[in-house]
Amino acid sequence: MISVVLLAYREEESLTLLFPRLIKELDSLNEEYEMIVVDTAEPLDNTKGVCEKFGAIYVNQEEPGFGGAYRKGISVMKGDKMLVLDSDGSHNPIHISAIYNKFITGYDVVIGSRYTKGGKTEDAVTSRIMSHILNGVFRIVTGVKAKDLSTNFRMYRADVLREITLTSTNYDVLEEVLLLMKLKIGKNFKVGEIPITFNKRIAGESKRRLIPFIISYLKTMFRLIGIRIRG
């Protein structure tokens, strides 16, 4: 079963537009699935009502930040595969079948990648530059040989996710989870990438703040270096 996890922060409008497209693609896979939306600890809009309309499981995060929401999603999922994508519509569900078809051939993680051959992004030029630098640094830090380590469009082996302990609070959980999975599985760790187009959000506004984002990643870089050395 596929557990589809969406992390939401005032995404009522985006989810209303995203769910029909998501359901259409998931139905085409001919595999049982569940949709889980992890909302803020205290609801800020009617995300719960949208979930009820489209048959999604609605839960509230208990720990702070993007990382806290990520851990909540892992704790409640029931599937053997975990598919994560952004709830703002920037990850187009049309790429799900390609990610799924690659994953079932024997991968531990398959990433919907902006930077592998054929991938594209609608991010601003400054964001692209920062992203390329970030990915280059974390490829060295984690030893994970993928071009896009900072995207949230991924399918994972759920059994491995349940066995690792994530501690990052912010978006840096995306690099942490790859390193810990690599250390857990060992030399047979297999990561793949599928080219995607990263679109602008379909509604609402970005919640990411640059300075806290940079500080968080700097702290994580040194922490992951320590984890890799010990591992």
Protein backbone atom coordinates (compact mmCIF):
# COMPACT_ATOMS: atom_id res chain seq x y z
CA MET A 1 0.00 0.00 0.00
CA ILE A 2 1.12 3.54 -0.76
CA SER A 3 0.88 6.11 2.03
CA VAL A 4 0.74 9.56 0.46
CA VAL A 5 1.79 12.21 2.97
CA LEU A 6 1.15 15.94 2.47
CA LEU A 7 2.43 18.48 4.98
CA ALA A 8 0.11 21.48 5.19
CA TYR A 9 0.43 25.00 6.56
CA ARG A 10 -2.61 27.08 5.52
CA GLU A 11 -3.04 25.09 2.30
CA GLU A 12 -6.85 24.80 2.20
CA GLU A 13 -7.08 26.44 -1.22
CA SER A 14 -4.14 24.55 -2.74
CA LEU A 15 -5.36 21.16 -1.49
CA THR A 16 -8.82 21.77 -2.96
CA LEU A 17 -7.15 22.09 -6.38
CA LEU A 18 -4.53 19.38 -5.82
CA PHE A 19 -6.63 16.49 -4.52
CA PRO A 20 -8.57 15.73 -7.75
CA ARG A 21 -5.32 15.58 -9.74
CA LEU A 22 -3.64 13.49 -7.07
CA ILE A 23 -6.49 10.99 -6.84
CA LYS A 24 -6.59 10.58 -10.62
CA GLU A 25 -2.90 9.63 -10.75
CA LEU A 26 -3.05 7.35 -7.71
CA ASP A 27 -6.07 5.48 -9.09
CA SER A 28 -4.10 4.75 -12.27
CA LEU A 29 -1.46 2.79 -10.30
CA ASN A 30 -3.95 0.04 -9.39
CA GLU A 31 -2.54 -0.24 -5.87
CA GLU A 32 -4.26 0.45 -2.57
CA TYR A 33 -3.38 3.85 -1.12
CA GLU A 34 -4.15 6.23 1.70
CA MET A 35 -3.80 10.03 1.70
CA ILE A 36 -2.60 11.66 4.92
CA VAL A 37 -2.51 15.41 5.52
CA VAL A 38 -0.41 16.62 8.45
CA ASP A 39 -1.72 20.04 9.46
CA THR A 40 -0.40 22.53 12.00
CA ALA A 41 -0.83 21.74 15.71
CA GLU A 42 -3.58 24.37 15.89
CA PRO A 43 -5.66 24.57 12.68
CA LEU A 44 -5.30 27.86 10.80
CA ASP A 45 -7.93 27.25 8.09
CA ASN A 46 -10.43 24.62 6.90
CA THR A 47 -7.86 22.06 5.76
CA LYS A 48 -9.73 19.43 7.82
CA GLY A 49 -12.94 20.06 5.89
CA VAL A 50 -11.12 19.71 2.55
CA CYS A 51 -9.63 16.40 3.70
CA GLU A 52 -13.06 15.09 4.69
CA LYS A 53 -14.42 16.04 1.27
CA PHE A 54 -11.74 14.08 -0.59
CA GLY A 55 -11.37 11.12 1.77
CA ALA A 56 -7.96 12.03 3.19
CA ILE A 57 -6.83 11.25 6.74
CA TYR A 58 -6.38 14.49 8.69
CA VAL A 59 -3.89 14.69 11.59
CA ASN A 60 -2.21 17.51 13.47
CA GLN A 61 1.52 17.66 14.05
CA GLU A 62 2.76 17.49 17.63
CA GLU A 63 6.37 18.63 17.25
CA PRO A 64 7.38 21.98 15.72
CA GLY A 65 8.48 22.76 12.17
CA PHE A 66 8.61 20.93 8.88
CA GLY A 67 10.67 18.17 10.51
CA GLY A 68 8.04 17.67 13.20
CA ALA A 69 5.33 17.33 10.57
CA TYR A 70 7.51 14.85 8.65
CA ARG A 71 7.89 12.66 11.73
CA LYS A 72 4.14 12.76 12.36
CA GLY A 73 3.47 11.56 8.82
CA ILE A 74 5.86 8.64 9.27
CA SER A 75 4.29 7.72 12.62
CA VAL A 76 0.73 7.42 11.26
CA MET A 77 1.29 5.89 7.81
CA LYS A 78 0.27 2.27 7.29
CA GLY A 79 1.73 1.50 3.86
CA ASP A 80 4.93 -0.21 2.80
CA LYS A 81 5.68 2.73 0.50
CA MET A 82 5.64 6.39 1.57
CA LEU A 83 5.11 9.02 -1.12
CA VAL A 84 5.69 12.61 -0.06
CA LEU A 85 5.01 15.72 -2.13
CA ASP A 86 4.36 19.39 -1.45
CA SER A 87 0.76 20.32 -0.66
CA ASP A 88 0.98 23.64 -2.53
CA GLY A 89 0.80 22.03 -5.98
CA SER A 90 4.40 22.76 -6.96
CA HIS A 91 4.91 19.01 -7.39
CA ASN A 92 2.72 17.90 -10.29
CA PRO A 93 1.04 14.51 -9.66
CA ILE A 94 1.60 13.52 -13.31
CA HIS A 95 5.13 12.46 -12.28
CA ILE A 96 3.90 9.96 -9.68
CA SER A 97 3.57 7.00 -12.06
CA ALA A 98 7.18 7.37 -13.26
CA ILE A 99 8.46 7.61 -9.67
CA TYR A 100 6.38 4.58 -8.67
CA ASN A 101 7.43 2.46 -11.65
CA LYS A 102 11.10 3.10 -10.94
CA PHE A 103 10.70 2.49 -7.22
CA ILE A 104 9.14 -0.97 -7.58
CA THR A 105 12.15 -2.18 -9.57
CA GLY A 106 14.17 -2.31 -6.34
CA TYR A 107 15.00 1.19 -5.07
CA ASP A 108 15.05 2.33 -1.44
CA VAL A 109 14.26 5.93 -2.40
CA VAL A 110 13.21 7.52 -5.68
CA ILE A 111 13.42 11.31 -5.93
CA GLY A 112 11.41 13.54 -8.24
CA SER A 113 14.40 15.60 -9.36
CA ARG A 114 14.69 19.11 -10.75
CA TYR A 115 18.34 18.66 -11.62
CA THR A 116 18.69 15.25 -13.23
CA LYS A 117 18.61 15.19 -17.05
CA GLY A 118 15.20 16.37 -18.26
CA GLY A 119 14.27 18.05 -14.97
CA LYS A 120 13.19 21.70 -14.80
CA THR A 121 12.28 24.31 -12.20
CA GLU A 122 10.30 27.54 -12.24
CA ASP A 123 12.22 28.88 -9.23
CA ALA A 124 13.81 32.33 -9.45
CA VAL A 125 17.46 32.46 -10.58
CA THR A 126 18.72 33.31 -7.08
CA SER A 127 16.84 30.35 -5.62
CA ARG A 128 18.32 28.04 -8.25
CA ILE A 129 21.86 29.20 -7.49
CA MET A 130 21.37 28.72 -3.75
CA SER A 131 19.79 25.32 -4.35
CA HIS A 132 22.68 24.10 -6.53
CA ILE A 133 25.22 25.19 -3.90
CA LEU A 134 23.18 23.52 -1.16
CA ASN A 135 22.89 20.26 -3.09
CA GLY A 136 26.60 20.23 -3.91
CA VAL A 137 27.55 20.65 -0.26
CA PHE A 138 25.15 17.99 0.98
CA ARG A 139 26.20 15.46 -1.65
CA ILE A 140 29.65 15.66 -0.08
CA VAL A 141 28.35 15.68 3.50
CA THR A 142 25.95 12.73 3.09
CA GLY A 143 27.72 10.74 0.39
CA VAL A 144 24.35 10.24 -1.30
CA LYS A 145 24.83 10.26 -5.05
CA ALA A 146 21.79 12.16 -6.25
CA LYS A 147 21.54 15.54 -7.93
CA ASP A 148 18.53 16.85 -6.00
CA LEU A 149 18.77 16.19 -2.27
CA SER A 150 16.62 19.13 -1.20
CA THR A 151 13.34 18.31 -2.90
CA ASN A 152 10.37 16.87 -1.02
CA PHE A 153 8.94 14.83 -3.93
CA ARG A 154 9.98 11.29 -3.01
CA MET A 155 8.93 7.68 -2.57
CA TYR A 156 10.56 5.75 0.29
CA ARG A 157 10.70 2.25 1.69
CA ALA A 158 8.44 2.72 4.69
CA ASP A 159 9.98 -0.08 6.74
CA VAL A 160 13.34 1.72 6.81
CA LEU A 161 11.75 5.05 7.73
CA ARG A 162 10.14 3.43 10.75
CA GLU A 163 13.53 2.22 11.99
CA ILE A 164 15.44 5.53 11.91
CA THR A 165 15.21 8.48 14.27
CA LEU A 166 14.91 11.92 12.67
CA THR A 167 15.73 14.97 14.78
CA SER A 168 15.81 17.93 12.36
CA THR A 169 13.19 20.62 12.91
CA ASN A 170 13.15 22.32 9.52
CA TYR A 171 13.60 21.51 5.82
CA ASP A 172 16.99 19.99 6.55
CA VAL A 173 15.13 16.81 7.52
CA LEU A 174 15.19 16.09 3.77
CA GLU A 175 18.96 15.57 3.82
CA GLU A 176 18.96 13.93 7.25
CA VAL A 177 16.53 11.19 6.19
CA LEU A 178 18.67 10.24 3.18
CA LEU A 179 21.86 9.99 5.25
CA LEU A 180 20.22 7.93 7.99
CA MET A 181 18.64 5.58 5.45
CA LYS A 182 22.02 5.18 3.76
CA LEU A 183 23.69 4.36 7.07
CA LYS A 184 20.88 1.97 8.04
CA ILE A 185 20.89 0.00 4.76
CA GLY A 186 24.63 0.17 4.13
CA LYS A 187 26.43 -0.39 0.85
CA ASN A 188 23.30 -1.74 -0.85
CA PHE A 189 21.43 1.57 -0.42
CA LYS A 190 19.87 2.39 -3.77
CA VAL A 191 18.60 5.86 -4.65
CA GLY A 192 17.12 6.82 -8.02
CA GLU A 193 15.87 10.03 -9.65
CA ILE A 194 13.07 10.82 -12.08
CA PRO A 195 13.06 14.18 -13.90
CA ILE A 196 10.22 16.50 -12.92
CA THR A 197 9.18 20.08 -13.52
CA PHE A 198 8.98 22.03 -10.28
CA ASN A 199 6.10 24.49 -10.69
CA LYS A 200 5.16 27.63 -8.85
CA ARG A 201 2.60 27.03 -6.10
CA ILE A 202 -1.00 26.89 -7.37
CA ALA A 203 -2.42 29.06 -4.56
CA GLY A 204 -1.40 30.96 -1.42
CA GLU A 205 2.06 32.22 -0.58
CA SER A 206 5.37 30.64 0.41
CA LYS A 207 5.95 30.05 4.13
CA ARG A 208 9.73 29.64 3.82
CA ARG A 209 11.90 32.33 5.46
CA LEU A 210 15.44 32.76 4.12
CA ILE A 211 17.52 33.57 7.22
CA PRO A 212 16.14 30.80 9.49
CA PHE A 213 16.43 28.47 6.48
CA ILE A 214 20.16 29.21 6.03
CA ILE A 215 20.96 29.00 9.76
CA SER A 216 19.15 25.68 10.04
CA TYR A 217 21.08 24.19 7.13
CA LEU A 218 24.44 25.34 8.49
CA LYS A 219 23.72 23.66 11.83
CA THR A 220 22.55 20.51 10.08
CA MET A 221 25.62 20.34 7.86
CA PHE A 222 27.93 20.01 10.87
CA ARG A 223 25.56 17.66 12.66
CA LEU A 224 25.31 15.32 9.67
CA ILE A 225 29.08 15.31 9.27
CA GLY A 226 29.28 14.08 12.87
CA ILE A 227 26.61 11.43 12.28
CA ARG A 228 28.37 10.16 9.16
CA ILE A 229 31.72 9.94 10.93
CA ARG A 230 30.18 8.01 13.82
CA GLY A 231 28.20 5.86 11.40
